Structure formats: structure tokens, C-alpha cells
Protein backbone atom coordinates (compact mmCIF):
# COMPACT_ATOMS: atom_id res chain seq x y z
CA MET A 1 28.01 -9.82 8.01
CA PRO A 2 25.70 -6.99 6.93
CA GLU A 3 26.75 -3.53 8.00
CA VAL A 4 25.14 -0.15 8.58
CA VAL A 5 26.71 2.59 6.47
CA VAL A 6 25.52 6.00 7.62
CA GLY A 7 26.30 9.39 6.12
CA SER A 8 27.33 12.48 8.06
CA ASP A 9 25.09 14.67 10.21
CA LEU A 10 22.81 11.88 11.38
CA HIS A 11 20.30 12.87 14.05
CA ALA A 12 18.73 9.78 15.60
CA ASP A 13 16.65 9.73 18.77
CA PRO A 14 17.85 7.24 21.43
CA THR A 15 15.03 4.74 20.81
CA ALA A 16 15.42 4.71 17.02
CA CYS A 17 16.78 1.44 15.64
CA ILE A 18 19.04 1.75 12.59
CA GLY A 19 20.02 -1.66 11.24
CA TYR A 20 17.26 -3.95 12.51
CA ARG A 21 17.92 -7.52 11.43
CA PRO A 22 15.01 -8.98 9.42
CA SER A 23 13.65 -12.45 10.11
CA ARG A 24 13.53 -13.34 6.40
CA GLY A 25 17.24 -14.22 6.26
CA GLU A 26 20.36 -12.44 5.07
CA SER A 27 19.51 -9.08 3.54
CA GLY A 28 22.72 -7.09 2.98
CA ASP A 29 23.88 -3.71 4.18
CA LEU A 30 21.75 -0.76 5.19
CA THR A 31 22.99 2.46 3.61
CA LEU A 32 21.62 5.75 4.88
CA GLY A 33 22.65 9.02 3.26
CA PRO A 34 23.78 12.18 5.04
CA GLY A 35 21.54 14.55 6.95
CA ALA A 36 18.97 11.99 8.12
CA HIS A 37 16.66 12.71 11.07
CA ILE A 38 15.21 9.51 12.56
CA ARG A 39 12.72 10.08 15.37
CA SER A 40 11.90 7.91 18.36
CA GLY A 41 10.52 4.42 17.90
CA SER A 42 11.46 4.20 14.22
CA ALA A 43 13.14 1.08 12.80
CA LEU A 44 15.21 0.94 9.62
CA TYR A 45 15.92 -2.64 8.58
CA LEU A 46 19.15 -3.98 7.15
CA GLY A 47 19.13 -4.41 3.39
CA SER A 48 17.71 -1.07 2.23
CA HIS A 49 19.39 1.80 0.41
CA ILE A 50 18.20 5.26 1.49
CA GLY A 51 19.34 8.59 0.09
CA ALA A 52 20.19 11.90 1.71
CA ARG A 53 18.11 13.84 4.21
CA LEU A 54 15.54 11.22 5.12
CA GLN A 55 13.07 12.53 7.70
CA THR A 56 10.92 10.17 9.75
CA GLY A 57 8.24 10.84 12.28
CA HIS A 58 7.84 8.60 15.33
CA ASN A 59 7.34 4.83 15.04
CA VAL A 60 8.10 4.59 11.33
CA VAL A 61 9.14 1.20 9.92
CA ILE A 62 11.18 0.82 6.73
CA ARG A 63 11.62 -2.84 5.89
CA GLU A 64 14.43 -4.56 4.00
CA GLY A 65 14.98 -4.44 0.24
CA CYS A 66 13.71 -0.88 -0.21
CA VAL A 67 15.34 1.72 -2.43
CA ILE A 68 14.51 5.26 -1.31
CA GLY A 69 15.73 8.49 -2.91
CA ASP A 70 16.81 11.84 -1.52
CA ASP A 71 14.70 14.29 0.52
CA VAL A 72 11.99 11.80 1.44
CA SER A 73 9.69 12.43 4.42
CA ILE A 74 7.81 9.57 6.12
CA TRP A 75 5.66 10.59 9.06
CA SER A 76 4.54 8.91 12.26
CA ASN A 77 3.19 5.35 12.41
CA THR A 78 3.74 4.64 8.72
CA VAL A 79 5.06 1.27 7.49
CA ILE A 80 7.07 0.86 4.30
CA ASP A 81 7.07 -2.87 3.66
CA TYR A 82 9.91 -4.69 1.95
CA GLY A 83 10.92 -4.31 -1.69
CA CYS A 84 9.48 -0.83 -2.30
CA HIS A 85 10.97 1.81 -4.60
CA ILE A 86 10.41 5.42 -3.58
CA GLY A 87 11.75 8.35 -5.60
CA ASP A 88 13.23 11.69 -4.65
CA GLY A 89 11.17 14.27 -2.79
CA VAL A 90 8.30 11.93 -1.90
CA LYS A 91 6.22 12.85 1.14
CA ILE A 92 4.28 10.12 2.94
CA HIS A 93 2.11 11.32 5.81
CA SER A 94 1.10 9.57 9.05
CA ASN A 95 -0.64 6.21 9.47
CA CYS A 96 0.01 4.95 5.94
CA TYR A 97 0.70 1.37 4.88
CA ILE A 98 2.85 0.91 1.78
CA ALA A 99 2.66 -2.72 0.70
CA GLN A 100 5.54 -4.78 -0.66
CA TYR A 101 6.77 -3.99 -4.18
CA THR A 102 5.06 -0.61 -4.42
CA GLU A 103 6.66 2.02 -6.66
CA ILE A 104 6.25 5.72 -5.84
CA GLU A 105 7.88 8.13 -8.26
CA ASP A 106 9.53 11.50 -7.62
CA GLY A 107 7.57 14.23 -5.86
CA ALA A 108 4.43 12.23 -5.10
CA PHE A 109 2.45 12.99 -1.93
CA LEU A 110 0.40 10.57 0.18
CA ALA A 111 -1.97 12.09 2.75
CA PRO A 112 -2.70 10.48 6.15
CA GLY A 113 -4.24 7.03 6.21
CA VAL A 114 -3.41 5.89 2.66
CA THR A 115 -3.49 2.09 2.40
CA ILE A 116 -1.88 0.17 -0.43
CA ALA A 117 -2.57 -3.48 -1.28
CA ASN A 118 -0.43 -5.92 -3.24
CA ASP A 119 -2.30 -9.25 -3.26
CA LEU A 120 -5.14 -9.70 -5.75
CA TYR A 121 -6.54 -12.89 -4.20
CA PRO A 122 -5.37 -13.16 -0.59
CA GLY A 123 -4.84 -16.72 0.57
CA GLN A 124 -4.19 -18.16 -2.89
CA PRO A 125 -0.62 -19.44 -3.44
CA VAL A 126 -0.45 -18.21 -7.04
CA SER A 127 -1.49 -14.72 -5.98
CA ALA A 128 1.15 -14.73 -3.24
CA ARG A 129 3.85 -15.50 -5.81
CA LEU A 130 2.68 -12.65 -8.05
CA MET A 131 2.33 -9.93 -5.43
CA ALA A 132 2.88 -6.43 -6.75
CA GLY A 133 1.89 -3.06 -5.38
CA PRO A 134 0.70 -0.17 -7.53
CA ASN A 135 2.81 2.38 -9.37
CA ILE A 136 2.20 5.98 -8.32
CA GLY A 137 3.46 8.45 -10.89
CA ALA A 138 5.65 11.48 -10.33
CA GLY A 139 3.89 14.39 -8.66
CA ALA A 140 0.66 12.48 -8.01
CA GLN A 141 -1.35 13.63 -4.99
CA ILE A 142 -3.18 10.93 -3.01
CA GLY A 143 -5.88 12.14 -0.60
CA VAL A 144 -6.76 11.16 2.95
CA ASN A 145 -7.78 7.51 3.54
CA VAL A 146 -7.41 6.44 -0.09
CA THR A 147 -7.08 2.70 -0.79
CA ILE A 148 -5.07 1.62 -3.84
CA LEU A 149 -5.29 -1.95 -5.14
CA PRO A 150 -2.49 -4.05 -6.68
CA TYR A 151 -1.15 -3.50 -10.21
CA VAL A 152 -2.87 -0.11 -10.55
CA HIS A 153 -0.99 2.73 -12.23
CA ILE A 154 -1.77 6.29 -11.11
CA GLY A 155 -0.48 8.72 -13.70
CA GLU A 156 1.80 11.67 -13.19
CA ARG A 157 0.30 14.67 -11.38
CA ALA A 158 -3.05 12.91 -10.89
CA LEU A 159 -5.18 13.95 -7.91
CA ILE A 160 -7.08 11.22 -6.01
CA GLY A 161 -9.83 12.53 -3.74
CA ALA A 162 -10.23 11.59 -0.09
CA GLY A 163 -11.68 8.17 0.66
CA ALA A 164 -11.38 6.87 -2.90
CA VAL A 165 -10.82 3.19 -3.68
CA VAL A 166 -8.61 2.98 -6.75
CA VAL A 167 -9.20 -0.29 -8.63
CA LEU A 168 -8.22 0.74 -12.19
CA ASP A 169 -5.52 2.87 -13.79
CA ILE A 170 -5.89 6.64 -13.52
CA PRO A 171 -4.48 8.75 -16.39
CA ALA A 172 -1.96 11.51 -15.85
CA ASP A 173 -3.30 14.93 -14.80
CA SER A 174 -6.72 13.48 -13.94
CA VAL A 175 -8.94 14.12 -10.93
CA ALA A 176 -10.53 10.91 -9.63
CA PHE A 177 -12.63 10.07 -6.59
CA GLY A 178 -15.35 7.71 -5.37
CA ASN A 179 -15.68 3.99 -4.68
CA PRO A 180 -14.63 2.70 -7.10
CA ALA A 181 -12.66 5.77 -8.12
CA GLU A 182 -13.70 7.30 -11.43
CA VAL A 183 -12.12 10.09 -13.42
CA ARG A 184 -14.23 13.22 -12.88
CA GLY A 185 -12.10 15.87 -14.55
CA ARG A 186 -8.66 17.30 -15.14
CA VAL A 187 -6.31 18.89 -12.64
CA GLY A 188 -5.93 21.91 -14.92
CA ASP A 189 -9.69 22.57 -14.80
CA LEU A 190 -10.00 22.68 -11.00
CA THR A 191 -11.54 25.77 -9.43
CA ALA A 192 -8.83 28.16 -8.28
CA ILE A 193 -8.05 27.60 -4.62
CA ASP A 194 -8.74 31.26 -3.70
CA ASP A 195 -12.29 30.86 -5.04
CA ARG A 196 -12.76 27.62 -3.11
CA VAL A 197 -11.62 29.28 0.12
CA LYS A 198 -13.94 32.25 -0.41
CA ALA A 199 -16.87 29.94 -1.10
CA ALA A 200 -16.15 27.90 2.03
CA ALA A 201 -15.90 31.04 4.18
CA SER A 202 -19.19 32.34 2.80
CA SER A 203 -20.90 29.00 3.48
CA MET A 204 -19.63 28.99 7.07
CA ARG A 205 -20.96 32.51 7.66
CA ARG A 206 -24.38 31.47 6.36
CA ARG A 207 -24.46 28.43 8.63
CA HIS A 208 -23.51 30.44 11.71
CA THR A 209 -26.11 33.08 10.90
CA SER A 210 -28.88 30.53 10.44
CA ARG A 211 -28.05 28.89 13.78
CA ALA A 212 -27.97 32.11 15.83
CA PRO A 213 -30.76 32.15 18.49
CA ALA A 214 -33.56 34.67 18.03
CA MET A 215 -33.41 37.54 20.55
CA SER A 216 -36.67 38.28 22.38
CA GLY A 217 -37.58 41.77 23.44
CA ARG A 218 -36.98 40.93 27.13
CA GLU A 219 -33.40 39.68 26.67
CA GLY A 220 -30.93 42.30 27.75
CA ASP A 221 -33.68 44.36 29.44
CA ALA A 222 -32.36 45.51 32.83
CA SER A 223 -35.72 46.84 34.07
């Protein structure tokens, strides 16, 4: 019978389920490294191997057959479907869906609402047999509400802008955005963040100034 093998210093909320039995048949042991913090409503299925110091938000699902490294964070309402490989230090934010057979390499970051697909032609038997998620390279940064299609490779340290739909490979160190996503530049050429913040603050001041109501001569007159 499959077992749950848990490392030391586990913190699991009372409604977390560690060792959920999948409906797809026998799946093997669940191993969970030391120092994990599993929050309420989360379910870790039998048959996955998870490293040290996993952190989940609430209502996270990690299906069977996954291999997950050390120091991974997966936040609330995110689903990691079966057969995924996730490297060390990966951070996956809230409300993400990680499709079966996705590979996410060390240090990558997925912002809220990222959706990953793994079926090129849904409903076709051949496509179902060849399902494969994308490969997200080490240190890649995936923006809010990005959609990534099957078989795509996103290179190391690439930056994918919010709302993009990634249908083709993105080279390492590239900045890409749009629908479909296109390479628009290089990460090394981005405007320094201090300059972006100053520009945004200046723009906000201009907007507030332009919207201020005109003061008539009678306003504030106590006579």
C-alpha cells in the first residue's frame, strides 16, 4: 500500500489533506521533505515527490506523479496537475493552473492567474496521447494572466508581459508580450526600475492636477 513519508517540522492546518488517493489507480508513495507548511484546504496526492520547505497557500492541489524541488511556494487556489516537474526555488502565485507534464526550472516565477495548456487539439485521441505542457526555463518571469500553449519553450530569464498568449518559443533573456506574444526586446535593455517609478509618480501627479476642480472666487468666502 502507498505510504506518506513526511520530513520533520511539518506544519499542516487541520483541513489540509496529505496523501489523497487518486482515482487513476495505484500511484506510489507521497514523500514530503522537512519544513513544509501546508495551509487549509490544500490536498497533496499520493505518488508525488516533494522537497524541503514547501509552502502552500489555501486550497492548493498537487496531483500525483509530480516531482517538486526544495523551497517551492505555491499560493492559494492553484492546481498543479499530474506529472509535472518543478525545480528548486520556484514561486507560483495564486489562481494558476499548471497542466499535466509541464516543466518549470529552478527559480522561475509565475504571477497570479497564469494558465498553462497541454493539449494541441482538444477532443482528438491522438492529441490526448501526445499531451505535453511547456518548458519554462530557469529564472523566467511570467506575468499576470499569461496563457502558455503546449510544447512551447520559454528561455532562461525571459520576461513575459501581463496578458500575453505564448504560442511560440521565446529565447532566453528576451522580453515578450502581446497576443500572440512577440519578442519586443531584451531584459538587459529594460528601463531601470527607479526611472519607471519616477515616471509613474510624475504621471499620477499630472492626472490629479488636471482633474482638480476650478475654485471660484466665492468658494471659501465667509461674507
